Amino acid sequence: LRARTSLAIRSAGFTNPGRRATLKMREAAAEAGYSLELHRSQLVTPGMLHWADIVLYMDGGNLKRLQCVEGFSALKCRGLGSYLKDPLERIPDPNYMARGSQEFNSVVCLILDACKGFVATC
């Protein structure tokens, strides 16, 4: 992921603006060589949807929320799981899993692999 410097990436969601990533996600990212220490959540805005060439989401719930934001375009939206070698429609939210559990570790790997798959298409 780091090798590509021509990508501009923004992260946004639907709740709790200004919040840090959870400790378990910061730790998992650090173990994979990424820092989320400066990352803060922000809300999806119409301006972000207009700015983006591609909008990635993890599951159908995220897609439904995106559809309610002014400026939504289905043509721009892709499920993150579609960038896996064996595509998935949904990547579960690891924040609802126990840190260090097999399920948590597997989902973190899915997210990392899907991000690498995405970057490979750019």
N, C-alpha and C. Protein backbone atom coordinates (compact mmCIF):
# COMPACT_ATOMS: atom_id res chain seq x y z
N LEU A 1 0.81 -1.19 0.00
CA LEU A 1 0.00 0.00 0.00
C LEU A 1 0.85 1.26 0.00
N ARG A 2 1.95 1.22 0.70
CA ARG A 2 2.78 2.41 0.81
C ARG A 2 3.49 2.77 -0.49
N ALA A 3 3.69 1.82 -1.37
CA ALA A 3 4.45 2.08 -2.59
C ALA A 3 3.73 3.04 -3.53
N ARG A 4 2.42 3.13 -3.44
CA ARG A 4 1.65 4.01 -4.31
C ARG A 4 1.51 5.38 -3.65
N THR A 5 2.12 6.38 -4.26
CA THR A 5 2.01 7.72 -3.68
C THR A 5 1.04 8.59 -4.45
N SER A 6 0.50 8.09 -5.54
CA SER A 6 -0.39 8.91 -6.36
C SER A 6 -1.86 8.79 -5.96
N LEU A 7 -2.16 7.98 -4.98
CA LEU A 7 -3.54 7.84 -4.52
C LEU A 7 -3.82 8.82 -3.39
N ALA A 8 -4.99 9.43 -3.44
CA ALA A 8 -5.45 10.25 -2.33
C ALA A 8 -6.63 9.51 -1.71
N ILE A 9 -6.51 9.19 -0.44
CA ILE A 9 -7.51 8.37 0.23
C ILE A 9 -8.09 9.14 1.41
N ARG A 10 -9.40 9.08 1.55
CA ARG A 10 -10.08 9.67 2.70
C ARG A 10 -10.91 8.57 3.35
N SER A 11 -11.05 8.65 4.63
CA SER A 11 -11.82 7.67 5.38
C SER A 11 -12.96 8.40 6.08
N ALA A 12 -14.17 7.85 5.96
CA ALA A 12 -15.32 8.45 6.61
C ALA A 12 -16.35 7.38 6.93
N GLY A 13 -17.26 7.72 7.81
CA GLY A 13 -18.30 6.78 8.21
C GLY A 13 -19.58 7.51 8.53
N PHE A 14 -20.33 6.94 9.46
CA PHE A 14 -21.68 7.45 9.72
C PHE A 14 -21.95 7.80 11.17
N THR A 15 -20.98 7.61 12.07
CA THR A 15 -21.20 7.91 13.48
C THR A 15 -19.95 8.47 14.14
N ASN A 16 -20.12 9.12 15.23
CA ASN A 16 -19.05 9.54 16.14
C ASN A 16 -17.88 10.29 15.50
N PRO A 17 -18.12 11.44 14.88
CA PRO A 17 -17.01 12.19 14.31
C PRO A 17 -16.00 12.62 15.37
N GLY A 18 -14.73 12.59 14.99
CA GLY A 18 -13.66 13.01 15.89
C GLY A 18 -13.11 11.90 16.77
N ARG A 19 -13.68 10.72 16.68
CA ARG A 19 -13.26 9.61 17.53
C ARG A 19 -12.02 8.91 16.95
N ARG A 20 -11.16 8.45 17.82
CA ARG A 20 -10.00 7.66 17.40
C ARG A 20 -10.45 6.26 17.02
N ALA A 21 -9.64 5.59 16.22
CA ALA A 21 -9.88 4.18 15.96
C ALA A 21 -9.78 3.44 17.30
N THR A 22 -10.50 2.35 17.43
CA THR A 22 -10.45 1.60 18.70
C THR A 22 -9.03 1.11 18.96
N LEU A 23 -8.73 0.90 20.22
CA LEU A 23 -7.40 0.43 20.60
C LEU A 23 -7.05 -0.85 19.87
N LYS A 24 -7.99 -1.78 19.80
CA LYS A 24 -7.66 -3.06 19.15
C LYS A 24 -7.36 -2.88 17.66
N MET A 25 -8.03 -1.91 17.01
CA MET A 25 -7.74 -1.67 15.59
C MET A 25 -6.42 -0.92 15.42
N ARG A 26 -6.11 -0.01 16.35
CA ARG A 26 -4.81 0.67 16.29
C ARG A 26 -3.68 -0.33 16.49
N GLU A 27 -3.88 -1.27 17.43
CA GLU A 27 -2.86 -2.29 17.68
C GLU A 27 -2.71 -3.23 16.48
N ALA A 28 -3.83 -3.65 15.90
CA ALA A 28 -3.78 -4.54 14.74
C ALA A 28 -3.11 -3.85 13.55
N ALA A 29 -3.42 -2.58 13.35
CA ALA A 29 -2.79 -1.83 12.26
C ALA A 29 -1.28 -1.71 12.50
N ALA A 30 -0.90 -1.42 13.74
CA ALA A 30 0.53 -1.29 14.07
C ALA A 30 1.26 -2.60 13.83
N GLU A 31 0.63 -3.72 14.17
CA GLU A 31 1.25 -5.03 13.94
C GLU A 31 1.46 -5.29 12.45
N ALA A 32 0.61 -4.69 11.62
CA ALA A 32 0.72 -4.85 10.16
C ALA A 32 1.62 -3.77 9.55
N GLY A 33 2.13 -2.86 10.38
CA GLY A 33 3.04 -1.84 9.90
C GLY A 33 2.39 -0.51 9.54
N TYR A 34 1.16 -0.29 9.99
CA TYR A 34 0.44 0.96 9.70
C TYR A 34 0.09 1.66 11.01
N SER A 35 0.11 2.98 10.99
CA SER A 35 -0.27 3.74 12.17
C SER A 35 -1.63 4.40 11.97
N LEU A 36 -2.50 4.21 12.94
CA LEU A 36 -3.80 4.89 12.96
C LEU A 36 -3.84 5.93 14.08
N GLU A 37 -2.68 6.23 14.64
CA GLU A 37 -2.62 7.13 15.80
C GLU A 37 -3.18 8.51 15.51
N LEU A 38 -2.98 9.03 14.32
CA LEU A 38 -3.48 10.37 14.00
C LEU A 38 -4.86 10.33 13.34
N HIS A 39 -5.34 9.15 13.03
CA HIS A 39 -6.64 9.03 12.36
C HIS A 39 -7.78 9.38 13.31
N ARG A 40 -8.73 10.16 12.81
CA ARG A 40 -9.94 10.48 13.55
C ARG A 40 -11.12 10.27 12.61
N SER A 41 -12.21 9.76 13.16
CA SER A 41 -13.39 9.50 12.33
C SER A 41 -14.01 10.81 11.88
N GLN A 42 -14.64 10.74 10.73
CA GLN A 42 -15.40 11.88 10.21
C GLN A 42 -16.61 11.34 9.48
N LEU A 43 -17.61 12.18 9.36
CA LEU A 43 -18.85 11.76 8.71
C LEU A 43 -18.74 11.88 7.19
N VAL A 44 -19.36 10.95 6.50
CA VAL A 44 -19.46 11.02 5.04
C VAL A 44 -20.27 12.27 4.69
N THR A 45 -19.79 13.03 3.73
CA THR A 45 -20.50 14.23 3.30
C THR A 45 -20.75 14.18 1.80
N PRO A 46 -21.71 14.95 1.31
CA PRO A 46 -21.90 15.03 -0.14
C PRO A 46 -20.63 15.47 -0.86
N GLY A 47 -19.87 16.37 -0.26
CA GLY A 47 -18.62 16.82 -0.87
C GLY A 47 -17.62 15.70 -1.04
N MET A 48 -17.54 14.80 -0.07
CA MET A 48 -16.64 13.65 -0.18
C MET A 48 -17.07 12.74 -1.33
N LEU A 49 -18.37 12.50 -1.43
CA LEU A 49 -18.84 11.64 -2.51
C LEU A 49 -18.56 12.27 -3.87
N HIS A 50 -18.69 13.56 -3.96
CA HIS A 50 -18.39 14.26 -5.21
C HIS A 50 -16.89 14.16 -5.53
N TRP A 51 -16.04 14.34 -4.50
CA TRP A 51 -14.59 14.31 -4.66
C TRP A 51 -14.08 12.93 -5.11
N ALA A 52 -14.68 11.88 -4.60
CA ALA A 52 -14.16 10.53 -4.79
C ALA A 52 -14.40 9.99 -6.19
N ASP A 53 -13.40 9.30 -6.71
CA ASP A 53 -13.58 8.54 -7.95
C ASP A 53 -14.19 7.18 -7.63
N ILE A 54 -13.82 6.64 -6.46
CA ILE A 54 -14.33 5.34 -6.01
C ILE A 54 -14.65 5.47 -4.52
N VAL A 55 -15.79 4.91 -4.12
CA VAL A 55 -16.19 4.87 -2.72
C VAL A 55 -16.26 3.40 -2.31
N LEU A 56 -15.46 3.02 -1.33
CA LEU A 56 -15.43 1.64 -0.86
C LEU A 56 -16.26 1.50 0.40
N TYR A 57 -16.98 0.40 0.50
CA TYR A 57 -17.76 0.11 1.71
C TYR A 57 -17.53 -1.35 2.08
N MET A 58 -17.77 -1.67 3.36
CA MET A 58 -17.49 -3.03 3.83
C MET A 58 -18.70 -3.95 3.78
N ASP A 59 -19.90 -3.40 3.94
CA ASP A 59 -21.07 -4.28 3.97
C ASP A 59 -22.31 -3.56 3.45
N GLY A 60 -23.39 -4.29 3.33
CA GLY A 60 -24.64 -3.75 2.80
C GLY A 60 -25.22 -2.63 3.65
N GLY A 61 -25.00 -2.67 4.95
CA GLY A 61 -25.48 -1.61 5.82
C GLY A 61 -24.80 -0.29 5.49
N ASN A 62 -23.50 -0.34 5.22
CA ASN A 62 -22.78 0.86 4.81
C ASN A 62 -23.30 1.37 3.47
N LEU A 63 -23.57 0.46 2.56
CA LEU A 63 -24.09 0.86 1.24
C LEU A 63 -25.45 1.54 1.38
N LYS A 64 -26.32 1.00 2.22
CA LYS A 64 -27.64 1.61 2.42
C LYS A 64 -27.50 3.02 2.98
N ARG A 65 -26.58 3.22 3.90
CA ARG A 65 -26.36 4.56 4.46
C ARG A 65 -25.79 5.50 3.39
N LEU A 66 -24.87 4.99 2.57
CA LEU A 66 -24.33 5.82 1.48
C LEU A 66 -25.42 6.27 0.53
N GLN A 67 -26.38 5.39 0.26
CA GLN A 67 -27.45 5.71 -0.67
C GLN A 67 -28.31 6.88 -0.19
N CYS A 68 -28.26 7.18 1.10
CA CYS A 68 -29.04 8.28 1.67
C CYS A 68 -28.30 9.61 1.65
N VAL A 69 -27.03 9.60 1.26
CA VAL A 69 -26.25 10.83 1.23
C VAL A 69 -26.42 11.49 -0.13
N GLU A 70 -26.71 12.78 -0.11
CA GLU A 70 -26.85 13.54 -1.36
C GLU A 70 -25.58 13.39 -2.18
N GLY A 71 -25.74 13.12 -3.46
CA GLY A 71 -24.59 12.95 -4.34
C GLY A 71 -24.18 11.50 -4.51
N PHE A 72 -24.92 10.57 -3.87
CA PHE A 72 -24.61 9.15 -4.01
C PHE A 72 -24.66 8.75 -5.48
N SER A 73 -23.68 7.95 -5.89
CA SER A 73 -23.67 7.39 -7.24
C SER A 73 -23.29 5.92 -7.15
N ALA A 74 -24.20 5.05 -7.53
CA ALA A 74 -23.92 3.61 -7.49
C ALA A 74 -22.73 3.26 -8.37
N LEU A 75 -22.49 4.05 -9.39
CA LEU A 75 -21.38 3.78 -10.31
C LEU A 75 -20.02 3.96 -9.63
N LYS A 76 -19.97 4.75 -8.57
CA LYS A 76 -18.72 4.99 -7.86
C LYS A 76 -18.48 3.99 -6.73
N CYS A 77 -19.51 3.28 -6.29
CA CYS A 77 -19.42 2.45 -5.09
C CYS A 77 -19.01 1.02 -5.40
N ARG A 78 -18.11 0.51 -4.58
CA ARG A 78 -17.64 -0.87 -4.70
C ARG A 78 -17.48 -1.45 -3.30
N GLY A 79 -17.86 -2.69 -3.16
CA GLY A 79 -17.62 -3.38 -1.90
C GLY A 79 -16.14 -3.69 -1.77
N LEU A 80 -15.57 -3.41 -0.61
CA LEU A 80 -14.15 -3.70 -0.40
C LEU A 80 -13.85 -5.17 -0.64
N GLY A 81 -14.78 -6.03 -0.26
CA GLY A 81 -14.58 -7.47 -0.44
C GLY A 81 -14.47 -7.90 -1.89
N SER A 82 -14.90 -7.06 -2.81
CA SER A 82 -14.81 -7.41 -4.23
C SER A 82 -13.37 -7.39 -4.72
N TYR A 83 -12.46 -6.85 -3.93
CA TYR A 83 -11.05 -6.78 -4.31
C TYR A 83 -10.23 -7.94 -3.74
N LEU A 84 -10.89 -8.90 -3.12
CA LEU A 84 -10.20 -10.10 -2.63
C LEU A 84 -10.01 -11.10 -3.76
N LYS A 85 -9.02 -11.96 -3.62
CA LYS A 85 -8.79 -13.01 -4.61
C LYS A 85 -10.04 -13.86 -4.76
N ASP A 86 -10.68 -14.19 -3.65
CA ASP A 86 -11.98 -14.87 -3.64
C ASP A 86 -12.99 -13.84 -3.11
N PRO A 87 -13.62 -13.09 -4.01
CA PRO A 87 -14.46 -11.95 -3.60
C PRO A 87 -15.56 -12.31 -2.60
N LEU A 88 -15.82 -11.36 -1.72
CA LEU A 88 -16.89 -11.46 -0.74
C LEU A 88 -17.81 -10.26 -0.88
N GLU A 89 -19.09 -10.46 -0.65
CA GLU A 89 -20.04 -9.34 -0.67
C GLU A 89 -19.91 -8.48 0.57
N ARG A 90 -19.45 -9.09 1.65
CA ARG A 90 -19.45 -8.41 2.94
C ARG A 90 -18.17 -8.74 3.70
N ILE A 91 -17.58 -7.71 4.27
CA ILE A 91 -16.50 -7.91 5.23
C ILE A 91 -17.05 -7.46 6.59
N PRO A 92 -17.09 -8.36 7.55
CA PRO A 92 -17.65 -8.00 8.86
C PRO A 92 -16.83 -6.90 9.54
N ASP A 93 -17.46 -6.18 10.45
CA ASP A 93 -16.79 -5.12 11.20
C ASP A 93 -16.01 -5.77 12.35
N PRO A 94 -14.70 -5.68 12.33
CA PRO A 94 -13.90 -6.33 13.38
C PRO A 94 -14.07 -5.68 14.75
N ASN A 95 -14.64 -4.47 14.80
CA ASN A 95 -14.85 -3.83 16.10
C ASN A 95 -15.84 -4.57 16.97
N TYR A 96 -16.62 -5.47 16.38
CA TYR A 96 -17.59 -6.26 17.15
C TYR A 96 -17.03 -7.63 17.54
N MET A 97 -15.74 -7.82 17.36
CA MET A 97 -15.10 -9.10 17.64
C MET A 97 -14.05 -8.94 18.74
N ALA A 98 -13.77 -10.02 19.42
CA ALA A 98 -12.77 -9.98 20.49
C ALA A 98 -11.37 -9.88 19.90
N ARG A 99 -10.59 -8.93 20.42
CA ARG A 99 -9.20 -8.74 19.99
C ARG A 99 -8.43 -10.03 20.18
N GLY A 100 -7.70 -10.45 19.17
CA GLY A 100 -6.88 -11.65 19.27
C GLY A 100 -7.63 -12.93 18.93
N SER A 101 -8.95 -12.85 18.77
CA SER A 101 -9.70 -14.05 18.42
C SER A 101 -9.40 -14.44 16.96
N GLN A 102 -9.62 -15.68 16.63
CA GLN A 102 -9.42 -16.16 15.26
C GLN A 102 -10.26 -15.34 14.28
N GLU A 103 -11.50 -15.05 14.67
CA GLU A 103 -12.41 -14.27 13.82
C GLU A 103 -11.86 -12.87 13.57
N PHE A 104 -11.42 -12.21 14.63
CA PHE A 104 -10.86 -10.85 14.52
C PHE A 104 -9.64 -10.86 13.60
N ASN A 105 -8.71 -11.77 13.86
CA ASN A 105 -7.48 -11.82 13.07
C ASN A 105 -7.78 -12.12 11.60
N SER A 106 -8.75 -12.99 11.35
CA SER A 106 -9.12 -13.31 9.97
C SER A 106 -9.71 -12.10 9.25
N VAL A 107 -10.54 -11.35 9.95
CA VAL A 107 -11.17 -10.18 9.32
C VAL A 107 -10.12 -9.09 9.06
N VAL A 108 -9.20 -8.88 9.99
CA VAL A 108 -8.13 -7.91 9.76
C VAL A 108 -7.33 -8.31 8.52
N CYS A 109 -7.04 -9.59 8.37
CA CYS A 109 -6.34 -10.07 7.17
C CYS A 109 -7.16 -9.83 5.91
N LEU A 110 -8.47 -10.05 5.99
CA LEU A 110 -9.33 -9.78 4.83
C LEU A 110 -9.26 -8.31 4.43
N ILE A 111 -9.32 -7.42 5.42
CA ILE A 111 -9.26 -5.99 5.13
C ILE A 111 -7.94 -5.63 4.47
N LEU A 112 -6.84 -6.10 5.03
CA LEU A 112 -5.52 -5.81 4.45
C LEU A 112 -5.41 -6.37 3.03
N ASP A 113 -5.86 -7.61 2.84
CA ASP A 113 -5.77 -8.23 1.50
C ASP A 113 -6.64 -7.49 0.50
N ALA A 114 -7.84 -7.09 0.92
CA ALA A 114 -8.73 -6.36 0.02
C ALA A 114 -8.15 -5.00 -0.35
N CYS A 115 -7.53 -4.32 0.61
CA CYS A 115 -6.90 -3.03 0.32
C CYS A 115 -5.76 -3.20 -0.68
N LYS A 116 -4.98 -4.24 -0.50
CA LYS A 116 -3.89 -4.51 -1.45
C LYS A 116 -4.46 -4.83 -2.83
N GLY A 117 -5.55 -5.59 -2.87
CA GLY A 117 -6.21 -5.89 -4.13
C GLY A 117 -6.73 -4.63 -4.81
N PHE A 118 -7.30 -3.73 -4.02
CA PHE A 118 -7.78 -2.47 -4.56
C PHE A 118 -6.63 -1.66 -5.16
N VAL A 119 -5.55 -1.49 -4.40
CA VAL A 119 -4.42 -0.70 -4.86
C VAL A 119 -3.83 -1.29 -6.14
N ALA A 120 -3.84 -2.59 -6.25
CA ALA A 120 -3.31 -3.24 -7.45
C ALA A 120 -4.12 -2.90 -8.71
N THR A 121 -5.36 -2.47 -8.53
CA THR A 121 -6.20 -2.12 -9.69
C THR A 121 -6.04 -0.66 -10.10
N CYS A 122 -5.35 0.12 -9.30
CA CYS A 122 -5.22 1.56 -9.57
C CYS A 122 -4.07 1.85 -10.53
